[in-house]
Amino acid sequence: AGCNDIRLSHSICCRNNAITTLSNPGSENGYIEAHLDNTLSLCDNSPRFIENTTIKICNGQHSFINFAAYDPDGDSLVYSLIDCREGYNNIVEYNAGFNGTNPFTTAAGVSINPQNGIVSLIPISRQVSIICVRVDEYRNGVKIGETIRDIQVLVENCNNSAAPPLMVQNDTTICSGSTVTLTVNPTVTQGLDSIVWWPTFQNGQIINVSPNQTSIYTVR
């Protein structure tokens, strides 16, 4: 009580010495935080990330990293790339050419969908990088909080049999209690062992299906 600006944070020593995008990674801490505006006098739950996101992608292949989250209160979420930190307001020391919006060596930069948290890139060299995403939380058009996620990503050369994750970025809005049908084109599932759906429903449900089954799946 009495505090207008509440920040919850956690810092741990130390980052991986193998990180190639930082000048001295072993001396940098890992750091995450969440922020709540206490002046709004409301009850709030932080966004919940749907899964443990990708930590390995393939060099030279179009890759996606999933930062999707859902909000238990139904608040609107907006995603953005930010500089990683090692403490409050203390940005890590990047090597020249790298920063929060350009955390990898790529063919055409790194982008994030602000509505669903999907990061897209084509890495062009083997590397170990860190990437940080901030999730801003809005209620009735007013920002009420934010959460930061920080992960390490390994980029390695992959053989032809190691296909990268397939990411379909179609957005569909449905009402609570309704049924949505998700369709996969059979031609894109050849050679895959499994498919994982990442629907951003309120319950954060994840559906695992086999590409050898029918290509229409109904989720309630």
C-alpha atoms as a PDB file:
ATOM      1  CA  ALA A   1       0.000   0.000   0.000  1.00  0.00           C
ATOM      2  CA  GLY A   2       1.173   3.531  -0.702  1.00  0.00           C
ATOM      3  CA  CYS A   3       3.428   2.527  -3.604  1.00  0.00           C
ATOM      4  CA  ASN A   4       2.276   3.833  -6.972  1.00  0.00           C
ATOM      5  CA  ASP A   5       4.752   1.928  -9.150  1.00  0.00           C
ATOM      6  CA  ILE A   6       5.377  -1.737  -8.305  1.00  0.00           C
ATOM      7  CA  ARG A   7       8.103  -3.753 -10.029  1.00  0.00           C
ATOM      8  CA  LEU A   8       8.725  -7.421  -9.354  1.00  0.00           C
ATOM      9  CA  SER A   9      12.115  -8.581 -10.602  1.00  0.00           C
ATOM     10  CA  HIS A  10      14.548 -11.482 -10.466  1.00  0.00           C
ATOM     11  CA  SER A  11      18.260 -11.444 -11.292  1.00  0.00           C
ATOM     12  CA  ILE A  12      20.666 -14.379 -11.422  1.00  0.00           C
ATOM     13  CA  CYS A  13      24.383 -14.744 -12.201  1.00  0.00           C
ATOM     14  CA  CYS A  14      25.550 -15.386 -14.807  1.00  0.00           C
ATOM     15  CA  ARG A  15      24.827 -15.584 -18.513  1.00  0.00           C
ATOM     16  CA  ASN A  16      26.371 -18.234 -20.755  1.00  0.00           C
ATOM     17  CA  ASN A  17      29.957 -17.454 -21.819  1.00  0.00           C
ATOM     18  CA  ALA A  18      29.118 -18.952 -25.233  1.00  0.00           C
ATOM     19  CA  ILE A  19      26.747 -16.086 -26.151  1.00  0.00           C
ATOM     20  CA  THR A  20      28.152 -14.465 -29.291  1.00  0.00           C
ATOM     21  CA  THR A  21      26.126 -11.236 -29.354  1.00  0.00           C
ATOM     22  CA  LEU A  22      27.388  -9.825 -26.041  1.00  0.00           C
ATOM     23  CA  SER A  23      30.843  -8.393 -25.430  1.00  0.00           C
ATOM     24  CA  ASN A  24      31.412 -10.129 -22.087  1.00  0.00           C
ATOM     25  CA  PRO A  25      28.436 -12.449 -21.491  1.00  0.00           C
ATOM     26  CA  GLY A  26      29.883 -14.278 -18.486  1.00  0.00           C
ATOM     27  CA  SER A  27      29.909 -11.042 -16.512  1.00  0.00           C
ATOM     28  CA  GLU A  28      26.260 -10.232 -17.287  1.00  0.00           C
ATOM     29  CA  ASN A  29      23.341 -11.307 -15.112  1.00  0.00           C
ATOM     30  CA  GLY A  30      20.078 -12.731 -16.342  1.00  0.00           C
ATOM     31  CA  TYR A  31      17.188 -10.421 -15.428  1.00  0.00           C
ATOM     32  CA  ILE A  32      13.400 -10.418 -15.769  1.00  0.00           C
ATOM     33  CA  GLU A  33      10.711  -8.166 -14.329  1.00  0.00           C
ATOM     34  CA  ALA A  34       7.008  -7.418 -14.194  1.00  0.00           C
ATOM     35  CA  HIS A  35       5.416  -4.016 -13.608  1.00  0.00           C
ATOM     36  CA  LEU A  36       2.066  -3.014 -12.077  1.00  0.00           C
ATOM     37  CA  ASP A  37       0.555   0.466 -11.918  1.00  0.00           C
ATOM     38  CA  ASN A  38      -0.900   0.540  -8.397  1.00  0.00           C
ATOM     39  CA  THR A  39      -2.660   3.883  -8.924  1.00  0.00           C
ATOM     40  CA  LEU A  40      -5.415   2.189 -10.923  1.00  0.00           C
ATOM     41  CA  SER A  41      -6.849   0.373  -7.877  1.00  0.00           C
ATOM     42  CA  LEU A  42      -7.650  -2.864  -9.649  1.00  0.00           C
ATOM     43  CA  CYS A  43      -6.975  -6.563  -9.315  1.00  0.00           C
ATOM     44  CA  ASP A  44      -4.729  -7.981 -12.007  1.00  0.00           C
ATOM     45  CA  ASN A  45      -3.038 -11.217 -13.033  1.00  0.00           C
ATOM     46  CA  SER A  46       0.126 -11.159 -15.122  1.00  0.00           C
ATOM     47  CA  PRO A  47       0.013 -12.640 -18.648  1.00  0.00           C
ATOM     48  CA  ARG A  48       0.919 -16.309 -18.768  1.00  0.00           C
ATOM     49  CA  PHE A  49       3.208 -17.540 -21.526  1.00  0.00           C
ATOM     50  CA  ILE A  50       1.702 -20.499 -23.311  1.00  0.00           C
ATOM     51  CA  GLU A  51       4.803 -22.656 -23.419  1.00  0.00           C
ATOM     52  CA  ASN A  52       8.546 -22.916 -22.988  1.00  0.00           C
ATOM     53  CA  THR A  53       9.527 -21.249 -26.217  1.00  0.00           C
ATOM     54  CA  THR A  54      12.015 -22.313 -28.910  1.00  0.00           C
ATOM     55  CA  ILE A  55      15.667 -22.410 -27.817  1.00  0.00           C
ATOM     56  CA  LYS A  56      17.165 -23.817 -31.031  1.00  0.00           C
ATOM     57  CA  ILE A  57      16.627 -22.741 -34.654  1.00  0.00           C
ATOM     58  CA  CYS A  58      18.289 -23.632 -37.949  1.00  0.00           C
ATOM     59  CA  ASN A  59      20.877 -21.529 -39.742  1.00  0.00           C
ATOM     60  CA  GLY A  60      19.666 -20.260 -43.126  1.00  0.00           C
ATOM     61  CA  GLN A  61      16.036 -21.286 -42.578  1.00  0.00           C
ATOM     62  CA  HIS A  62      13.005 -19.091 -41.984  1.00  0.00           C
ATOM     63  CA  SER A  63      12.440 -19.533 -38.272  1.00  0.00           C
ATOM     64  CA  PHE A  64       9.842 -18.520 -35.695  1.00  0.00           C
ATOM     65  CA  ILE A  65      10.080 -18.040 -31.945  1.00  0.00           C
ATOM     66  CA  ASN A  66       6.829 -18.177 -29.993  1.00  0.00           C
ATOM     67  CA  PHE A  67       6.330 -15.603 -27.216  1.00  0.00           C
ATOM     68  CA  ALA A  68       2.527 -15.945 -27.233  1.00  0.00           C
ATOM     69  CA  ALA A  69       0.764 -15.451 -23.908  1.00  0.00           C
ATOM     70  CA  TYR A  70      -2.792 -15.301 -22.643  1.00  0.00           C
ATOM     71  CA  ASP A  71      -4.273 -13.104 -19.933  1.00  0.00           C
ATOM     72  CA  PRO A  72      -6.483 -14.664 -17.237  1.00  0.00           C
ATOM     73  CA  ASP A  73      -8.395 -11.376 -16.893  1.00  0.00           C
ATOM     74  CA  GLY A  74      -9.040 -10.983 -20.619  1.00  0.00           C
ATOM     75  CA  ASP A  75      -6.827  -7.893 -20.893  1.00  0.00           C
ATOM     76  CA  SER A  76      -5.351  -6.952 -24.287  1.00  0.00           C
ATOM     77  CA  LEU A  77      -1.685  -7.830 -24.858  1.00  0.00           C
ATOM     78  CA  VAL A  78       0.831  -6.014 -27.072  1.00  0.00           C
ATOM     79  CA  TYR A  79       4.292  -7.496 -27.773  1.00  0.00           C
ATOM     80  CA  SER A  80       7.550  -5.687 -28.597  1.00  0.00           C
ATOM     81  CA  LEU A  81      11.269  -6.441 -28.843  1.00  0.00           C
ATOM     82  CA  ILE A  82      13.383  -4.650 -26.220  1.00  0.00           C
ATOM     83  CA  ASP A  83      16.997  -4.497 -25.063  1.00  0.00           C
ATOM     84  CA  CYS A  84      17.855  -7.305 -22.655  1.00  0.00           C
ATOM     85  CA  ARG A  85      18.943  -6.241 -19.196  1.00  0.00           C
ATOM     86  CA  GLU A  86      21.141  -7.436 -16.365  1.00  0.00           C
ATOM     87  CA  GLY A  87      19.418  -5.278 -13.756  1.00  0.00           C
ATOM     88  CA  TYR A  88      16.809  -2.563 -13.381  1.00  0.00           C
ATOM     89  CA  ASN A  89      17.389   0.020 -16.153  1.00  0.00           C
ATOM     90  CA  ASN A  90      20.757  -1.638 -16.806  1.00  0.00           C
ATOM     91  CA  ILE A  91      21.041  -2.865 -20.408  1.00  0.00           C
ATOM     92  CA  VAL A  92      23.451  -5.681 -21.263  1.00  0.00           C
ATOM     93  CA  GLU A  93      26.547  -4.746 -23.270  1.00  0.00           C
ATOM     94  CA  TYR A  94      25.898  -5.887 -26.829  1.00  0.00           C
ATOM     95  CA  ASN A  95      28.585  -6.428 -29.428  1.00  0.00           C
ATOM     96  CA  ALA A  96      28.636  -3.830 -32.215  1.00  0.00           C
ATOM     97  CA  GLY A  97      25.637  -4.167 -34.527  1.00  0.00           C
ATOM     98  CA  PHE A  98      23.428  -5.975 -32.036  1.00  0.00           C
ATOM     99  CA  ASN A  99      20.656  -4.653 -29.789  1.00  0.00           C
ATOM    100  CA  GLY A 100      17.191  -5.563 -28.578  1.00  0.00           C
ATOM    101  CA  THR A 101      15.518  -5.124 -31.966  1.00  0.00           C
ATOM    102  CA  ASN A 102      18.431  -6.720 -33.834  1.00  0.00           C
ATOM    103  CA  PRO A 103      19.534  -9.609 -31.597  1.00  0.00           C
ATOM    104  CA  PHE A 104      20.697 -11.983 -34.383  1.00  0.00           C
ATOM    105  CA  THR A 105      22.825 -11.952 -37.524  1.00  0.00           C
ATOM    106  CA  THR A 106      20.089 -12.285 -40.154  1.00  0.00           C
ATOM    107  CA  ALA A 107      19.298 -11.945 -43.832  1.00  0.00           C
ATOM    108  CA  ALA A 108      16.600  -9.297 -43.396  1.00  0.00           C
ATOM    109  CA  GLY A 109      16.285  -8.359 -39.734  1.00  0.00           C
ATOM    110  CA  VAL A 110      14.060  -9.600 -36.934  1.00  0.00           C
ATOM    111  CA  SER A 111      10.359  -8.811 -36.633  1.00  0.00           C
ATOM    112  CA  ILE A 112       7.671  -9.485 -34.047  1.00  0.00           C
ATOM    113  CA  ASN A 113       3.924  -9.577 -34.530  1.00  0.00           C
ATOM    114  CA  PRO A 114       2.656  -7.142 -31.864  1.00  0.00           C
ATOM    115  CA  GLN A 115      -0.677  -8.961 -31.661  1.00  0.00           C
ATOM    116  CA  ASN A 116       0.419 -12.576 -31.153  1.00  0.00           C
ATOM    117  CA  GLY A 117       4.079 -12.419 -30.046  1.00  0.00           C
ATOM    118  CA  ILE A 118       5.515 -14.477 -32.917  1.00  0.00           C
ATOM    119  CA  VAL A 119       9.113 -13.506 -33.781  1.00  0.00           C
ATOM    120  CA  SER A 120      10.247 -14.120 -37.373  1.00  0.00           C
ATOM    121  CA  LEU A 121      13.798 -14.226 -38.755  1.00  0.00           C
ATOM    122  CA  ILE A 122      16.221 -15.932 -41.154  1.00  0.00           C
ATOM    123  CA  PRO A 123      19.569 -16.392 -39.348  1.00  0.00           C
ATOM    124  CA  ILE A 124      22.627 -16.502 -41.629  1.00  0.00           C
ATOM    125  CA  SER A 125      25.339 -17.820 -39.318  1.00  0.00           C
ATOM    126  CA  ARG A 126      25.841 -20.133 -36.372  1.00  0.00           C
ATOM    127  CA  GLN A 127      25.421 -18.081 -33.213  1.00  0.00           C
ATOM    128  CA  VAL A 128      24.205 -17.994 -29.631  1.00  0.00           C
ATOM    129  CA  SER A 129      22.008 -15.021 -28.882  1.00  0.00           C
ATOM    130  CA  ILE A 130      19.600 -13.651 -26.300  1.00  0.00           C
ATOM    131  CA  ILE A 131      16.254 -12.106 -27.139  1.00  0.00           C
ATOM    132  CA  CYS A 132      13.889 -10.172 -24.889  1.00  0.00           C
ATOM    133  CA  VAL A 133      10.202  -9.413 -25.411  1.00  0.00           C
ATOM    134  CA  ARG A 134       8.030  -7.072 -23.366  1.00  0.00           C
ATOM    135  CA  VAL A 135       4.322  -7.809 -23.086  1.00  0.00           C
ATOM    136  CA  ASP A 136       2.276  -4.667 -22.360  1.00  0.00           C
ATOM    137  CA  GLU A 137      -1.101  -5.266 -20.735  1.00  0.00           C
ATOM    138  CA  TYR A 138      -4.071  -2.984 -21.495  1.00  0.00           C
ATOM    139  CA  ARG A 139      -7.521  -2.802 -19.917  1.00  0.00           C
ATOM    140  CA  ASN A 140     -10.155  -0.576 -21.508  1.00  0.00           C
ATOM    141  CA  GLY A 141      -7.406   1.118 -23.520  1.00  0.00           C
ATOM    142  CA  VAL A 142      -5.278   1.944 -20.453  1.00  0.00           C
ATOM    143  CA  LYS A 143      -1.884   0.331 -19.869  1.00  0.00           C
ATOM    144  CA  ILE A 144      -1.950  -1.386 -16.480  1.00  0.00           C
ATOM    145  CA  GLY A 145       1.249  -3.444 -16.486  1.00  0.00           C
ATOM    146  CA  GLU A 146       4.053  -5.136 -18.371  1.00  0.00           C
ATOM    147  CA  THR A 147       6.025  -8.372 -18.257  1.00  0.00           C
ATOM    148  CA  ILE A 148       9.468  -9.112 -19.739  1.00  0.00           C
ATOM    149  CA  ARG A 149      10.650 -12.486 -21.012  1.00  0.00           C
ATOM    150  CA  ASP A 150      14.353 -13.168 -21.671  1.00  0.00           C
ATOM    151  CA  ILE A 151      15.583 -16.325 -23.422  1.00  0.00           C
ATOM    152  CA  GLN A 152      18.772 -17.674 -25.006  1.00  0.00           C
ATOM    153  CA  VAL A 153      18.560 -19.052 -28.555  1.00  0.00           C
ATOM    154  CA  LEU A 154      21.052 -21.358 -30.271  1.00  0.00           C
ATOM    155  CA  VAL A 155      21.415 -21.155 -34.070  1.00  0.00           C
ATOM    156  CA  GLU A 156      22.968 -24.274 -35.559  1.00  0.00           C
ATOM    157  CA  ASN A 157      23.468 -25.850 -38.963  1.00  0.00           C
ATOM    158  CA  CYS A 158      20.709 -28.408 -39.557  1.00  0.00           C
ATOM    159  CA  ASN A 159      20.715 -31.321 -41.970  1.00  0.00           C
ATOM    160  CA  ASN A 160      17.904 -31.600 -44.489  1.00  0.00           C
ATOM    161  CA  SER A 161      16.038 -34.149 -42.383  1.00  0.00           C
ATOM    162  CA  ALA A 162      15.817 -31.755 -39.451  1.00  0.00           C
ATOM    163  CA  ALA A 163      13.002 -29.560 -40.690  1.00  0.00           C
ATOM    164  CA  PRO A 164      12.388 -26.291 -38.828  1.00  0.00           C
ATOM    165  CA  PRO A 165       9.129 -25.788 -36.914  1.00  0.00           C
ATOM    166  CA  LEU A 166       6.144 -25.036 -39.135  1.00  0.00           C
ATOM    167  CA  MET A 167       4.402 -21.850 -38.060  1.00  0.00           C
ATOM    168  CA  VAL A 168       0.971 -20.853 -39.346  1.00  0.00           C
ATOM    169  CA  GLN A 169       0.079 -17.297 -38.420  1.00  0.00           C
ATOM    170  CA  ASN A 170      -3.625 -17.129 -39.196  1.00  0.00           C
ATOM    171  CA  ASP A 171      -5.600 -15.145 -36.591  1.00  0.00           C
ATOM    172  CA  THR A 172      -9.161 -16.205 -35.769  1.00  0.00           C
ATOM    173  CA  THR A 173     -11.502 -14.642 -33.225  1.00  0.00           C
ATOM    174  CA  ILE A 174     -14.230 -16.775 -31.618  1.00  0.00           C
ATOM    175  CA  CYS A 175     -16.650 -16.344 -28.756  1.00  0.00           C
ATOM    176  CA  SER A 176     -16.360 -18.215 -25.480  1.00  0.00           C
ATOM    177  CA  GLY A 177     -17.917 -21.666 -25.713  1.00  0.00           C
ATOM    178  CA  SER A 178     -17.802 -21.734 -29.512  1.00  0.00           C
ATOM    179  CA  THR A 179     -15.992 -24.219 -31.713  1.00  0.00           C
ATOM    180  CA  VAL A 180     -13.238 -23.347 -34.182  1.00  0.00           C
ATOM    181  CA  THR A 181     -12.011 -25.675 -36.922  1.00  0.00           C
ATOM    182  CA  LEU A 182      -8.277 -25.595 -37.724  1.00  0.00           C
ATOM    183  CA  THR A 183      -7.197 -26.944 -41.086  1.00  0.00           C
ATOM    184  CA  VAL A 184      -3.727 -28.077 -42.138  1.00  0.00           C
ATOM    185  CA  ASN A 185      -2.842 -28.564 -45.786  1.00  0.00           C
ATOM    186  CA  PRO A 186      -1.570 -32.179 -46.021  1.00  0.00           C
ATOM    187  CA  THR A 187       1.229 -31.150 -48.392  1.00  0.00           C
ATOM    188  CA  VAL A 188       2.995 -29.145 -45.671  1.00  0.00           C
ATOM    189  CA  THR A 189       2.925 -31.981 -43.122  1.00  0.00           C
ATOM    190  CA  GLN A 190       4.991 -34.454 -45.129  1.00  0.00           C
ATOM    191  CA  GLY A 191       8.017 -35.631 -43.156  1.00  0.00           C
ATOM    192  CA  LEU A 192       6.792 -34.187 -39.865  1.00  0.00           C
ATOM    193  CA  ASP A 193       6.408 -36.385 -36.785  1.00  0.00           C
ATOM    194  CA  SER A 194       3.916 -34.122 -35.039  1.00  0.00           C
ATOM    195  CA  ILE A 195       2.134 -30.795 -35.169  1.00  0.00           C
ATOM    196  CA  VAL A 196       1.687 -28.494 -32.167  1.00  0.00           C
ATOM    197  CA  TRP A 197      -1.092 -25.893 -32.134  1.00  0.00           C
ATOM    198  CA  TRP A 198      -0.460 -22.661 -30.214  1.00  0.00           C
ATOM    199  CA  PRO A 199      -3.958 -21.196 -29.874  1.00  0.00           C
ATOM    200  CA  THR A 200      -4.078 -18.162 -27.566  1.00  0.00           C
ATOM    201  CA  PHE A 201      -7.294 -19.172 -25.829  1.00  0.00           C
ATOM    202  CA  GLN A 202      -8.054 -18.020 -22.294  1.00  0.00           C
ATOM    203  CA  ASN A 203      -7.073 -21.405 -20.896  1.00  0.00           C
ATOM    204  CA  GLY A 204      -3.826 -21.513 -22.895  1.00  0.00           C
ATOM    205  CA  GLN A 205      -4.768 -24.878 -24.351  1.00  0.00           C
ATOM    206  CA  ILE A 206      -2.162 -26.663 -26.485  1.00  0.00           C
ATOM    207  CA  ILE A 207      -3.235 -29.430 -28.837  1.00  0.00           C
ATOM    208  CA  ASN A 208      -0.867 -32.095 -30.165  1.00  0.00           C
ATOM    209  CA  VAL A 209      -2.067 -33.891 -33.271  1.00  0.00           C
ATOM    210  CA  SER A 210      -0.627 -36.340 -35.767  1.00  0.00           C
ATOM    211  CA  PRO A 211      -0.179 -35.222 -39.395  1.00  0.00           C
ATOM    212  CA  ASN A 212      -1.208 -38.720 -40.437  1.00  0.00           C
ATOM    213  CA  GLN A 213      -4.739 -38.099 -39.197  1.00  0.00           C
ATOM    214  CA  THR A 214      -7.372 -36.025 -40.969  1.00  0.00           C
ATOM    215  CA  SER A 215      -6.249 -32.450 -41.531  1.00  0.00           C
ATOM    216  CA  ILE A 216      -9.264 -30.863 -39.798  1.00  0.00           C
ATOM    217  CA  TYR A 217      -9.183 -30.451 -36.010  1.00  0.00           C
ATOM    218  CA  THR A 218     -11.873 -28.991 -33.811  1.00  0.00           C
ATOM    219  CA  VAL A 219     -10.956 -27.164 -30.611  1.00  0.00           C
ATOM    220  CA  ARG A 220     -13.469 -26.088 -27.994  1.00  0.00           C
END
